[in-house]
Amino acid sequence: MKTLTVRLPDALVAEIEAECRQYQRSKSDVVRQRLSRQVRTRSRPAAFEAIADLIGSAKGLPADLSSQKKTYLKKRGYGLKRNR
């Protein structure tokens, strides 16, 4: 592993030290864990985060849109051959 030196605000250092005491872990372990948690959280696409609260909120739609039958679509003119 490589060593990285950073300067942190006193409040953040106090949080990290409290977590070290609580879980009996080293500062390095706590910081590594926090950083890896941040990376996993950020790996989601920004678009997903923008609409995450809307997912599943549409009413009146089938659970799976691909479950629509061909007859349903043909009634609406989809999939029919057109005269040219």
C-alpha atoms as a PDB file:
ATOM      1  CA  MET A   1       0.000   0.000   0.000  1.00  0.00           C
ATOM      2  CA  LYS A   2       1.004   3.574  -0.606  1.00  0.00           C
ATOM      3  CA  THR A   3       0.952   6.309   2.028  1.00  0.00           C
ATOM      4  CA  LEU A   4      -1.084   9.478   1.548  1.00  0.00           C
ATOM      5  CA  THR A   5      -0.912  12.463   3.887  1.00  0.00           C
ATOM      6  CA  VAL A   6      -3.935  14.749   4.111  1.00  0.00           C
ATOM      7  CA  ARG A   7      -5.054  17.640   6.304  1.00  0.00           C
ATOM      8  CA  LEU A   8      -8.532  17.306   7.754  1.00  0.00           C
ATOM      9  CA  PRO A   9     -10.757  19.677   9.714  1.00  0.00           C
ATOM     10  CA  ASP A  10     -10.667  19.180  13.484  1.00  0.00           C
ATOM     11  CA  ALA A  11     -14.331  18.114  13.577  1.00  0.00           C
ATOM     12  CA  LEU A  12     -13.734  15.334  11.039  1.00  0.00           C
ATOM     13  CA  VAL A  13     -10.646  14.115  12.898  1.00  0.00           C
ATOM     14  CA  ALA A  14     -12.695  13.998  16.105  1.00  0.00           C
ATOM     15  CA  GLU A  15     -15.368  11.891  14.330  1.00  0.00           C
ATOM     16  CA  ILE A  16     -12.760   9.491  12.993  1.00  0.00           C
ATOM     17  CA  GLU A  17     -11.057   9.155  16.375  1.00  0.00           C
ATOM     18  CA  ALA A  18     -14.413   8.500  18.079  1.00  0.00           C
ATOM     19  CA  GLU A  19     -15.170   5.793  15.521  1.00  0.00           C
ATOM     20  CA  CYS A  20     -11.705   4.297  16.128  1.00  0.00           C
ATOM     21  CA  ARG A  21     -12.396   4.048  19.846  1.00  0.00           C
ATOM     22  CA  GLN A  22     -15.914   2.709  19.339  1.00  0.00           C
ATOM     23  CA  TYR A  23     -14.921  -0.096  16.956  1.00  0.00           C
ATOM     24  CA  GLN A  24     -11.336  -0.526  18.243  1.00  0.00           C
ATOM     25  CA  ARG A  25      -9.826   0.014  14.801  1.00  0.00           C
ATOM     26  CA  SER A  26      -6.937   2.094  13.543  1.00  0.00           C
ATOM     27  CA  LYS A  27      -7.420   5.501  11.973  1.00  0.00           C
ATOM     28  CA  SER A  28      -6.174   4.122   8.670  1.00  0.00           C
ATOM     29  CA  ASP A  29      -8.797   1.374   8.693  1.00  0.00           C
ATOM     30  CA  VAL A  30     -11.598   3.817   9.459  1.00  0.00           C
ATOM     31  CA  VAL A  31     -10.490   6.273   6.771  1.00  0.00           C
ATOM     32  CA  ARG A  32     -10.080   3.477   4.178  1.00  0.00           C
ATOM     33  CA  GLN A  33     -13.559   2.196   4.999  1.00  0.00           C
ATOM     34  CA  ARG A  34     -15.104   5.657   4.703  1.00  0.00           C
ATOM     35  CA  LEU A  35     -13.352   6.330   1.395  1.00  0.00           C
ATOM     36  CA  SER A  36     -14.390   3.001  -0.114  1.00  0.00           C
ATOM     37  CA  ARG A  37     -17.994   3.634   1.008  1.00  0.00           C
ATOM     38  CA  GLN A  38     -17.909   7.007  -0.784  1.00  0.00           C
ATOM     39  CA  VAL A  39     -16.570   5.441  -3.981  1.00  0.00           C
ATOM     40  CA  ARG A  40     -19.354   2.805  -4.025  1.00  0.00           C
ATOM     41  CA  THR A  41     -21.984   5.477  -3.459  1.00  0.00           C
ATOM     42  CA  ARG A  42     -20.662   7.678  -6.259  1.00  0.00           C
ATOM     43  CA  SER A  43     -20.512   4.825  -8.753  1.00  0.00           C
ATOM     44  CA  ARG A  44     -24.263   5.236  -9.425  1.00  0.00           C
ATOM     45  CA  PRO A  45     -25.014   7.288 -12.495  1.00  0.00           C
ATOM     46  CA  ALA A  46     -26.124  10.851 -11.816  1.00  0.00           C
ATOM     47  CA  ALA A  47     -29.270  10.301 -13.893  1.00  0.00           C
ATOM     48  CA  PHE A  48     -30.311   7.440 -11.625  1.00  0.00           C
ATOM     49  CA  GLU A  49     -29.940   9.630  -8.552  1.00  0.00           C
ATOM     50  CA  ALA A  50     -32.014  12.352 -10.194  1.00  0.00           C
ATOM     51  CA  ILE A  51     -34.993  10.032 -10.748  1.00  0.00           C
ATOM     52  CA  ALA A  52     -34.528   7.526  -7.919  1.00  0.00           C
ATOM     53  CA  ASP A  53     -37.473   8.897  -5.954  1.00  0.00           C
ATOM     54  CA  LEU A  54     -39.748   8.506  -8.991  1.00  0.00           C
ATOM     55  CA  ILE A  55     -39.027   4.844  -9.686  1.00  0.00           C
ATOM     56  CA  GLY A  56     -42.150   2.770  -9.152  1.00  0.00           C
ATOM     57  CA  SER A  57     -44.381   5.791  -8.628  1.00  0.00           C
ATOM     58  CA  ALA A  58     -46.334   5.618 -11.924  1.00  0.00           C
ATOM     59  CA  LYS A  59     -49.892   4.406 -11.381  1.00  0.00           C
ATOM     60  CA  GLY A  60     -51.962   2.285 -13.744  1.00  0.00           C
ATOM     61  CA  LEU A  61     -49.117   0.702 -15.684  1.00  0.00           C
ATOM     62  CA  PRO A  62     -48.461  -3.034 -15.898  1.00  0.00           C
ATOM     63  CA  ALA A  63     -45.666  -4.270 -13.657  1.00  0.00           C
ATOM     64  CA  ASP A  64     -43.698  -5.251 -16.746  1.00  0.00           C
ATOM     65  CA  LEU A  65     -44.329  -3.187 -19.864  1.00  0.00           C
ATOM     66  CA  SER A  66     -43.115  -6.056 -22.040  1.00  0.00           C
ATOM     67  CA  SER A  67     -46.095  -8.094 -20.821  1.00  0.00           C
ATOM     68  CA  GLN A  68     -48.461  -6.313 -23.214  1.00  0.00           C
ATOM     69  CA  LYS A  69     -50.077  -8.743 -25.608  1.00  0.00           C
ATOM     70  CA  LYS A  70     -49.781  -8.402 -29.374  1.00  0.00           C
ATOM     71  CA  THR A  71     -53.548  -8.012 -29.681  1.00  0.00           C
ATOM     72  CA  TYR A  72     -53.381  -4.979 -27.413  1.00  0.00           C
ATOM     73  CA  LEU A  73     -50.743  -3.413 -29.626  1.00  0.00           C
ATOM     74  CA  LYS A  74     -52.545  -4.299 -32.863  1.00  0.00           C
ATOM     75  CA  LYS A  75     -55.684  -2.540 -31.637  1.00  0.00           C
ATOM     76  CA  ARG A  76     -53.593   0.598 -31.499  1.00  0.00           C
ATOM     77  CA  GLY A  77     -52.081   0.080 -34.949  1.00  0.00           C
ATOM     78  CA  TYR A  78     -48.658  -1.189 -33.937  1.00  0.00           C
ATOM     79  CA  GLY A  79     -47.152  -4.081 -35.858  1.00  0.00           C
ATOM     80  CA  LEU A  80     -49.581  -3.890 -38.759  1.00  0.00           C
ATOM     81  CA  LYS A  81     -48.383  -3.867 -42.356  1.00  0.00           C
ATOM     82  CA  ARG A  82     -49.098  -0.646 -44.132  1.00  0.00           C
ATOM     83  CA  ASN A  83     -49.927  -0.309 -47.804  1.00  0.00           C
ATOM     84  CA  ARG A  84     -47.405   1.673 -49.726  1.00  0.00           C
END
